[in-house]
C-alpha atoms as a PDB file:
ATOM      1  CA  MET A   1       0.855  -5.522  32.521  1.00  0.00           C
ATOM      2  CA  PRO A   2      -1.381  -6.345  29.535  1.00  0.00           C
ATOM      3  CA  ASP A   3      -4.533  -8.372  30.078  1.00  0.00           C
ATOM      4  CA  LYS A   4      -3.774 -11.984  29.152  1.00  0.00           C
ATOM      5  CA  ASN A   5      -7.464 -12.493  28.348  1.00  0.00           C
ATOM      6  CA  LEU A   6      -6.862 -10.461  25.185  1.00  0.00           C
ATOM      7  CA  ASN A   7      -4.116 -12.801  24.013  1.00  0.00           C
ATOM      8  CA  THR A   8      -6.185 -14.428  21.275  1.00  0.00           C
ATOM      9  CA  THR A   9      -3.623 -14.245  18.465  1.00  0.00           C
ATOM     10  CA  SER A  10      -1.194 -16.602  16.840  1.00  0.00           C
ATOM     11  CA  GLU A  11       2.544 -16.108  17.280  1.00  0.00           C
ATOM     12  CA  LYS A  12       2.914 -15.868  13.514  1.00  0.00           C
ATOM     13  CA  ARG A  13       0.737 -12.779  13.137  1.00  0.00           C
ATOM     14  CA  LYS A  14       2.563  -9.590  12.195  1.00  0.00           C
ATOM     15  CA  VAL A  15       2.088  -5.873  12.774  1.00  0.00           C
ATOM     16  CA  ILE A  16       3.855  -2.743  11.547  1.00  0.00           C
ATOM     17  CA  ILE A  17       3.766   0.316  13.780  1.00  0.00           C
ATOM     18  CA  ILE A  18       4.739   3.490  11.944  1.00  0.00           C
ATOM     19  CA  GLY A  19       6.084   6.004  14.448  1.00  0.00           C
ATOM     20  CA  ALA A  20       7.146   3.611  17.191  1.00  0.00           C
ATOM     21  CA  SER A  21      10.126   5.450  18.647  1.00  0.00           C
ATOM     22  CA  SER A  22       8.147   7.109  21.444  1.00  0.00           C
ATOM     23  CA  GLY A  23       4.732   7.642  23.026  1.00  0.00           C
ATOM     24  CA  ILE A  24       1.729   5.581  21.959  1.00  0.00           C
ATOM     25  CA  GLY A  25       3.598   3.888  19.118  1.00  0.00           C
ATOM     26  CA  ARG A  26       6.321   2.617  21.427  1.00  0.00           C
ATOM     27  CA  GLU A  27       3.825   1.202  23.918  1.00  0.00           C
ATOM     28  CA  LEU A  28       1.825  -0.427  21.114  1.00  0.00           C
ATOM     29  CA  ALA A  29       4.958  -2.283  20.006  1.00  0.00           C
ATOM     30  CA  LYS A  30       5.265  -3.712  23.513  1.00  0.00           C
ATOM     31  CA  VAL A  31       1.601  -4.746  23.696  1.00  0.00           C
ATOM     32  CA  PHE A  32       1.582  -6.476  20.320  1.00  0.00           C
ATOM     33  CA  SER A  33       4.851  -8.244  21.071  1.00  0.00           C
ATOM     34  CA  TYR A  34       3.446  -9.414  24.415  1.00  0.00           C
ATOM     35  CA  HIS A  35       0.550 -10.980  22.529  1.00  0.00           C
ATOM     36  CA  GLY A  36       2.840 -12.924  20.233  1.00  0.00           C
ATOM     37  CA  PHE A  37       3.015 -10.678  17.163  1.00  0.00           C
ATOM     38  CA  GLU A  38       6.155 -10.222  15.145  1.00  0.00           C
ATOM     39  CA  VAL A  39       6.611  -6.452  15.092  1.00  0.00           C
ATOM     40  CA  GLY A  40       7.899  -4.061  12.451  1.00  0.00           C
ATOM     41  CA  ILE A  41       8.776  -0.666  13.940  1.00  0.00           C
ATOM     42  CA  THR A  42       9.600   2.563  12.146  1.00  0.00           C
ATOM     43  CA  GLY A  43      10.687   6.012  13.220  1.00  0.00           C
ATOM     44  CA  ARG A  44      13.168   8.757  12.517  1.00  0.00           C
ATOM     45  CA  ARG A  45      15.575   7.813  15.320  1.00  0.00           C
ATOM     46  CA  GLU A  46      17.223   4.495  14.529  1.00  0.00           C
ATOM     47  CA  GLN A  47      18.977   4.223  17.883  1.00  0.00           C
ATOM     48  CA  LEU A  48      15.672   4.443  19.741  1.00  0.00           C
ATOM     49  CA  LEU A  49      14.226   1.762  17.478  1.00  0.00           C
ATOM     50  CA  LYS A  50      17.155  -0.505  18.344  1.00  0.00           C
ATOM     51  CA  GLU A  51      16.559   0.091  22.056  1.00  0.00           C
ATOM     52  CA  ILE A  52      12.872  -0.747  21.680  1.00  0.00           C
ATOM     53  CA  SER A  53      13.689  -3.858  19.645  1.00  0.00           C
ATOM     54  CA  ALA A  54      15.896  -5.119  22.475  1.00  0.00           C
ATOM     55  CA  GLU A  55      12.927  -4.876  24.874  1.00  0.00           C
ATOM     56  CA  LEU A  56      10.479  -6.855  22.737  1.00  0.00           C
ATOM     57  CA  LYS A  57       9.942 -10.578  23.215  1.00  0.00           C
ATOM     58  CA  THR A  58       9.166 -11.503  19.608  1.00  0.00           C
ATOM     59  CA  LYS A  59      10.961 -11.102  16.304  1.00  0.00           C
ATOM     60  CA  THR A  60      11.357  -7.428  15.401  1.00  0.00           C
ATOM     61  CA  TYR A  61      12.035  -5.645  12.121  1.00  0.00           C
ATOM     62  CA  ILE A  62      13.433  -2.099  12.056  1.00  0.00           C
ATOM     63  CA  SER A  63      13.126   0.562   9.356  1.00  0.00           C
ATOM     64  CA  SER A  64      14.271   4.113  10.035  1.00  0.00           C
ATOM     65  CA  PHE A  65      12.618   6.857   7.970  1.00  0.00           C
ATOM     66  CA  ASP A  66      10.707  10.125   8.263  1.00  0.00           C
ATOM     67  CA  VAL A  67       7.116   9.894   6.972  1.00  0.00           C
ATOM     68  CA  ALA A  68       7.252  13.590   6.018  1.00  0.00           C
ATOM     69  CA  ASN A  69       9.842  12.728   3.381  1.00  0.00           C
ATOM     70  CA  THR A  70       7.406  10.803   1.211  1.00  0.00           C
ATOM     71  CA  GLN A  71       9.936  10.111  -1.550  1.00  0.00           C
ATOM     72  CA  THR A  72      11.945   7.921   0.809  1.00  0.00           C
ATOM     73  CA  ALA A  73       9.165   6.858   3.194  1.00  0.00           C
ATOM     74  CA  ILE A  74       7.014   5.148   0.545  1.00  0.00           C
ATOM     75  CA  PRO A  75       9.702   2.762  -0.757  1.00  0.00           C
ATOM     76  CA  ALA A  76      10.928   2.196   2.823  1.00  0.00           C
ATOM     77  CA  LEU A  77       7.502   0.999   3.967  1.00  0.00           C
ATOM     78  CA  GLU A  78       7.074  -1.127   0.857  1.00  0.00           C
ATOM     79  CA  SER A  79      10.476  -2.708   1.546  1.00  0.00           C
ATOM     80  CA  LEU A  80       9.592  -3.400   5.184  1.00  0.00           C
ATOM     81  CA  ILE A  81       6.349  -5.127   4.191  1.00  0.00           C
ATOM     82  CA  LYS A  82       8.242  -7.262   1.676  1.00  0.00           C
ATOM     83  CA  GLN A  83      10.881  -8.119   4.267  1.00  0.00           C
ATOM     84  CA  MET A  84       8.250  -9.273   6.761  1.00  0.00           C
ATOM     85  CA  GLY A  85       6.586 -11.477   4.169  1.00  0.00           C
ATOM     86  CA  ARG A  86       3.018 -10.822   5.240  1.00  0.00           C
ATOM     87  CA  VAL A  87       1.494  -8.198   7.512  1.00  0.00           C
ATOM     88  CA  ASP A  88      -1.860  -8.410   9.318  1.00  0.00           C
ATOM     89  CA  PHE A  89      -1.995  -4.955  10.918  1.00  0.00           C
ATOM     90  CA  ILE A  90      -0.459  -1.612   9.988  1.00  0.00           C
ATOM     91  CA  ILE A  91      -0.857   1.177  12.541  1.00  0.00           C
ATOM     92  CA  ILE A  92       0.084   4.760  11.682  1.00  0.00           C
ATOM     93  CA  SER A  93       1.120   6.443  14.913  1.00  0.00           C
ATOM     94  CA  ALA A  94       3.572   8.999  13.509  1.00  0.00           C
ATOM     95  CA  GLY A  95       2.420  12.560  14.128  1.00  0.00           C
ATOM     96  CA  VAL A  96       3.499  15.989  15.309  1.00  0.00           C
ATOM     97  CA  GLY A  97       1.722  19.011  16.704  1.00  0.00           C
ATOM     98  CA  SER A  98       2.405  22.380  18.285  1.00  0.00           C
ATOM     99  CA  ILE A  99       0.501  25.097  20.049  1.00  0.00           C
ATOM    100  CA  ASN A 100       0.832  27.832  17.443  1.00  0.00           C
ATOM    101  CA  GLU A 101      -1.310  30.802  18.437  1.00  0.00           C
ATOM    102  CA  PRO A 102       0.760  33.296  16.360  1.00  0.00           C
ATOM    103  CA  LEU A 103       0.384  31.042  13.289  1.00  0.00           C
ATOM    104  CA  GLU A 104       4.082  30.791  12.557  1.00  0.00           C
ATOM    105  CA  TRP A 105       4.273  29.213   9.119  1.00  0.00           C
ATOM    106  CA  GLN A 106       7.087  26.777   9.897  1.00  0.00           C
ATOM    107  CA  TYR A 107       5.040  25.000  12.565  1.00  0.00           C
ATOM    108  CA  GLU A 108       1.945  24.796  10.359  1.00  0.00           C
ATOM    109  CA  LYS A 109       4.023  23.485   7.470  1.00  0.00           C
ATOM    110  CA  GLU A 110       5.805  20.836   9.549  1.00  0.00           C
ATOM    111  CA  THR A 111       2.503  19.627  10.988  1.00  0.00           C
ATOM    112  CA  ASP A 112       0.862  19.216   7.597  1.00  0.00           C
ATOM    113  CA  GLU A 113       3.923  17.584   6.055  1.00  0.00           C
ATOM    114  CA  THR A 114       3.795  14.845   8.703  1.00  0.00           C
ATOM    115  CA  ASN A 115       0.126  14.565   9.660  1.00  0.00           C
ATOM    116  CA  VAL A 116      -1.371  15.031   6.202  1.00  0.00           C
ATOM    117  CA  LEU A 117       1.170  14.215   3.478  1.00  0.00           C
ATOM    118  CA  GLY A 118       3.119  11.671   5.510  1.00  0.00           C
ATOM    119  CA  PHE A 119      -0.006   9.999   6.839  1.00  0.00           C
ATOM    120  CA  THR A 120      -1.583   9.837   3.387  1.00  0.00           C
ATOM    121  CA  ALA A 121       1.515   8.267   1.879  1.00  0.00           C
ATOM    122  CA  MET A 122       1.640   5.587   4.569  1.00  0.00           C
ATOM    123  CA  ALA A 123      -2.101   4.901   4.386  1.00  0.00           C
ATOM    124  CA  ASN A 124      -1.900   4.691   0.600  1.00  0.00           C
ATOM    125  CA  VAL A 125       0.857   2.063   0.644  1.00  0.00           C
ATOM    126  CA  SER A 126      -0.830   0.116   3.447  1.00  0.00           C
ATOM    127  CA  PHE A 127      -4.311   0.007   1.969  1.00  0.00           C
ATOM    128  CA  LYS A 128      -3.094  -0.961  -1.488  1.00  0.00           C
ATOM    129  CA  TYR A 129      -1.057  -3.761   0.079  1.00  0.00           C
ATOM    130  CA  PHE A 130      -4.139  -5.092   1.877  1.00  0.00           C
ATOM    131  CA  LEU A 131      -6.162  -4.874  -1.331  1.00  0.00           C
ATOM    132  CA  GLN A 132      -3.531  -6.894  -3.163  1.00  0.00           C
ATOM    133  CA  ASN A 133      -3.205  -9.351  -0.279  1.00  0.00           C
ATOM    134  CA  GLY A 134      -6.990  -9.718   0.064  1.00  0.00           C
ATOM    135  CA  SER A 135      -7.146  -8.964   3.793  1.00  0.00           C
ATOM    136  CA  GLY A 136      -5.660  -6.839   6.539  1.00  0.00           C
ATOM    137  CA  HIS A 137      -6.330  -4.140   9.087  1.00  0.00           C
ATOM    138  CA  LEU A 138      -5.245  -0.490   8.812  1.00  0.00           C
ATOM    139  CA  ALA A 139      -5.460   1.830  11.806  1.00  0.00           C
ATOM    140  CA  ALA A 140      -4.223   5.332  12.540  1.00  0.00           C
ATOM    141  CA  ILE A 141      -4.086   7.713  15.469  1.00  0.00           C
ATOM    142  CA  SER A 142      -6.225  10.791  14.875  1.00  0.00           C
ATOM    143  CA  SER A 143      -7.483  12.766  17.898  1.00  0.00           C
ATOM    144  CA  ILE A 144     -10.466  14.180  19.729  1.00  0.00           C
ATOM    145  CA  ALA A 145      -8.876  17.497  18.686  1.00  0.00           C
ATOM    146  CA  GLY A 146      -9.960  16.692  15.135  1.00  0.00           C
ATOM    147  CA  LEU A 147     -13.575  17.229  16.164  1.00  0.00           C
ATOM    148  CA  ILE A 148     -12.929  20.870  17.077  1.00  0.00           C
ATOM    149  CA  GLY A 149     -11.340  23.766  15.208  1.00  0.00           C
ATOM    150  CA  ASN A 150      -8.748  24.562  17.856  1.00  0.00           C
ATOM    151  CA  SER A 151      -7.735  28.224  17.636  1.00  0.00           C
ATOM    152  CA  LEU A 152      -4.452  27.499  19.457  1.00  0.00           C
ATOM    153  CA  ALA A 153      -3.364  24.716  17.096  1.00  0.00           C
ATOM    154  CA  PRO A 154      -5.166  25.091  13.755  1.00  0.00           C
ATOM    155  CA  ALA A 155      -2.907  22.821  11.692  1.00  0.00           C
ATOM    156  CA  TYR A 156      -2.899  20.090  14.330  1.00  0.00           C
ATOM    157  CA  SER A 157      -6.667  19.899  14.819  1.00  0.00           C
ATOM    158  CA  SER A 158      -7.440  20.185  11.101  1.00  0.00           C
ATOM    159  CA  SER A 159      -4.829  17.567  10.197  1.00  0.00           C
ATOM    160  CA  LYS A 160      -6.412  15.150  12.668  1.00  0.00           C
ATOM    161  CA  ALA A 161      -9.827  15.790  11.114  1.00  0.00           C
ATOM    162  CA  TYR A 162      -8.279  14.986   7.738  1.00  0.00           C
ATOM    163  CA  ILE A 163      -6.987  11.673   9.077  1.00  0.00           C
ATOM    164  CA  SER A 164     -10.448  10.678  10.319  1.00  0.00           C
ATOM    165  CA  ILE A 165     -12.146  11.502   7.012  1.00  0.00           C
ATOM    166  CA  TYR A 166      -9.450   9.777   4.963  1.00  0.00           C
ATOM    167  CA  LEU A 167      -9.809   6.637   7.080  1.00  0.00           C
ATOM    168  CA  LYS A 168     -13.587   6.752   6.679  1.00  0.00           C
ATOM    169  CA  SER A 169     -13.134   7.010   2.920  1.00  0.00           C
ATOM    170  CA  LEU A 170     -10.822   3.993   2.883  1.00  0.00           C
ATOM    171  CA  ARG A 171     -13.285   2.059   5.059  1.00  0.00           C
ATOM    172  CA  ASN A 172     -16.052   2.749   2.554  1.00  0.00           C
ATOM    173  CA  LYS A 173     -13.734   1.618  -0.247  1.00  0.00           C
ATOM    174  CA  ALA A 174     -12.953  -1.583   1.663  1.00  0.00           C
ATOM    175  CA  LEU A 175     -16.653  -2.316   2.178  1.00  0.00           C
ATOM    176  CA  LYS A 176     -17.222  -2.152  -1.570  1.00  0.00           C
ATOM    177  CA  THR A 177     -14.580  -4.821  -2.152  1.00  0.00           C
ATOM    178  CA  LYS A 178     -16.362  -7.223   0.239  1.00  0.00           C
ATOM    179  CA  LYS A 179     -12.938  -8.411   1.324  1.00  0.00           C
ATOM    180  CA  PRO A 180     -11.937  -8.797   5.011  1.00  0.00           C
ATOM    181  CA  ILE A 181     -10.150  -5.439   5.092  1.00  0.00           C
ATOM    182  CA  TYR A 182     -10.742  -3.341   8.203  1.00  0.00           C
ATOM    183  CA  VAL A 183     -10.015   0.307   8.963  1.00  0.00           C
ATOM    184  CA  THR A 184      -9.991   1.774  12.473  1.00  0.00           C
ATOM    185  CA  ASP A 185      -9.892   5.433  13.455  1.00  0.00           C
ATOM    186  CA  ILE A 186      -8.314   5.801  16.913  1.00  0.00           C
ATOM    187  CA  LEU A 187      -9.228   9.057  18.663  1.00  0.00           C
ATOM    188  CA  PRO A 188      -7.309   9.608  21.898  1.00  0.00           C
ATOM    189  CA  GLY A 189      -8.144  12.311  24.351  1.00  0.00           C
ATOM    190  CA  PHE A 190      -5.218  13.245  26.591  1.00  0.00           C
ATOM    191  CA  VAL A 191      -2.488  10.624  26.928  1.00  0.00           C
ATOM    192  CA  ARG A 192       0.579  11.309  29.064  1.00  0.00           C
ATOM    193  CA  THR A 193       3.141  11.686  26.278  1.00  0.00           C
ATOM    194  CA  ALA A 194       5.302  14.489  24.912  1.00  0.00           C
ATOM    195  CA  MET A 195       2.350  15.424  22.662  1.00  0.00           C
ATOM    196  CA  ALA A 196       0.206  16.307  25.697  1.00  0.00           C
ATOM    197  CA  PRO A 197       2.316  18.312  28.154  1.00  0.00           C
ATOM    198  CA  GLY A 198       0.870  20.315  31.035  1.00  0.00           C
ATOM    199  CA  ASP A 199      -0.518  19.904  34.524  1.00  0.00           C
ATOM    200  CA  ASN A 200      -4.077  21.171  34.038  1.00  0.00           C
ATOM    201  CA  LEU A 201      -5.361  18.489  31.693  1.00  0.00           C
ATOM    202  CA  PHE A 202      -8.288  16.254  32.627  1.00  0.00           C
ATOM    203  CA  TRP A 203      -8.935  12.568  31.987  1.00  0.00           C
ATOM    204  CA  VAL A 204      -5.257  12.005  31.226  1.00  0.00           C
ATOM    205  CA  ALA A 205      -4.495   8.320  30.555  1.00  0.00           C
ATOM    206  CA  SER A 206      -1.171   6.594  30.902  1.00  0.00           C
ATOM    207  CA  PRO A 207       0.321   5.295  27.643  1.00  0.00           C
ATOM    208  CA  GLU A 208      -0.021   1.763  29.031  1.00  0.00           C
ATOM    209  CA  LYS A 209      -3.758   2.087  29.657  1.00  0.00           C
ATOM    210  CA  ALA A 210      -4.345   3.832  26.335  1.00  0.00           C
ATOM    211  CA  THR A 211      -2.534   1.194  24.303  1.00  0.00           C
ATOM    212  CA  LEU A 212      -4.316  -1.691  26.001  1.00  0.00           C
ATOM    213  CA  GLN A 213      -7.632  -0.152  24.954  1.00  0.00           C
ATOM    214  CA  ILE A 214      -6.307   0.424  21.429  1.00  0.00           C
ATOM    215  CA  TYR A 215      -5.212  -3.207  21.176  1.00  0.00           C
ATOM    216  CA  GLU A 216      -8.606  -4.420  22.396  1.00  0.00           C
ATOM    217  CA  ALA A 217     -10.413  -2.174  19.886  1.00  0.00           C
ATOM    218  CA  LEU A 218      -8.298  -3.502  17.024  1.00  0.00           C
ATOM    219  CA  ILE A 219      -8.802  -7.140  17.963  1.00  0.00           C
ATOM    220  CA  LYS A 220     -12.560  -6.429  18.034  1.00  0.00           C
ATOM    221  CA  LYS A 221     -12.255  -4.745  14.605  1.00  0.00           C
ATOM    222  CA  LYS A 222     -13.916  -1.538  15.763  1.00  0.00           C
ATOM    223  CA  ARG A 223     -14.382   1.179  13.172  1.00  0.00           C
ATOM    224  CA  VAL A 224     -13.870   4.018  15.652  1.00  0.00           C
ATOM    225  CA  ALA A 225     -12.177   3.804  19.050  1.00  0.00           C
ATOM    226  CA  TYR A 226     -12.196   6.619  21.608  1.00  0.00           C
ATOM    227  CA  ILE A 227      -9.230   6.358  23.964  1.00  0.00           C
ATOM    228  CA  THR A 228      -9.955   6.145  26.795  1.00  0.00           C
ATOM    229  CA  ARG A 229     -13.522   5.000  26.244  1.00  0.00           C
ATOM    230  CA  ARG A 230     -15.034   7.796  28.346  1.00  0.00           C
ATOM    231  CA  TRP A 231     -13.991  10.273  25.618  1.00  0.00           C
ATOM    232  CA  ALA A 232     -16.882   8.941  23.549  1.00  0.00           C
ATOM    233  CA  LEU A 233     -19.091  11.107  25.785  1.00  0.00           C
ATOM    234  CA  ILE A 234     -17.027  14.216  24.992  1.00  0.00           C
ATOM    235  CA  ALA A 235     -17.168  13.388  21.286  1.00  0.00           C
ATOM    236  CA  TRP A 236     -20.957  13.117  21.464  1.00  0.00           C
ATOM    237  CA  LEU A 237     -21.233  16.458  23.287  1.00  0.00           C
ATOM    238  CA  ILE A 238     -18.971  18.139  20.722  1.00  0.00           C
ATOM    239  CA  LYS A 239     -21.146  16.894  17.884  1.00  0.00           C
ATOM    240  CA  ILE A 240     -24.340  18.342  19.376  1.00  0.00           C
ATOM    241  CA  MET A 241     -22.917  21.620  20.706  1.00  0.00           C
ATOM    242  CA  PRO A 242     -23.820  24.840  18.860  1.00  0.00           C
ATOM    243  CA  SER A 243     -20.925  26.279  16.888  1.00  0.00           C
ATOM    244  CA  TRP A 244     -20.845  29.456  18.974  1.00  0.00           C
ATOM    245  CA  ILE A 245     -20.023  27.374  22.055  1.00  0.00           C
ATOM    246  CA  LEU A 246     -17.388  25.337  20.263  1.00  0.00           C
ATOM    247  CA  SER A 247     -15.712  28.514  19.043  1.00  0.00           C
ATOM    248  CA  LYS A 248     -14.980  29.445  22.654  1.00  0.00           C
ATOM    249  CA  ILE A 249     -13.207  26.192  23.456  1.00  0.00           C
END
């Protein structure tokens, strides 16, 4: 159950969660709804979005699209924002990834189409909306994996690094405007979702715990949020490790 002490928001505040049909995105929809937000949810699977909508306590808006198809995703997000009237938060949670040791091109291509092109399209629409509106908060799910060149999943780890740098660039752009526009990079470690299968993982958080910490970080307008917080230690160690050690990870 979410911490009621974090319920500091008005019922009229609104959030869009891009990639809300499963995993972290789905749990975020529940947390924001619990705290009184009207919620816009997107994903490829419309039926799942309808099921999630039925579980939420506040008004919900549904838009089904695939972020990798930027020609349709861009106008779909723009339409959803217009339908909701005003949006305070947009969170990009859509992402894919595969262990791809043999470097099969299809997996690398699919990862970049979603995590790089799709993410960039959604961030572009969102940030320009906040600029026009004069305020707002953009966040996206990158990963601790983006701090390491993972030999088992090159496209995944590099795409997550791209997300972090793109968000940092948008944050710097927002600072120059001197408008109340915030950008948060969310870096999870292992969260028990379909994106992190396996039995030998350490520091694995439940989606419920992870999303509570994400919500808290966003309400506090943090620039970077390690999820769970203990992963900040791992991030620090990665940054100071010699490259020859990192290459063995």
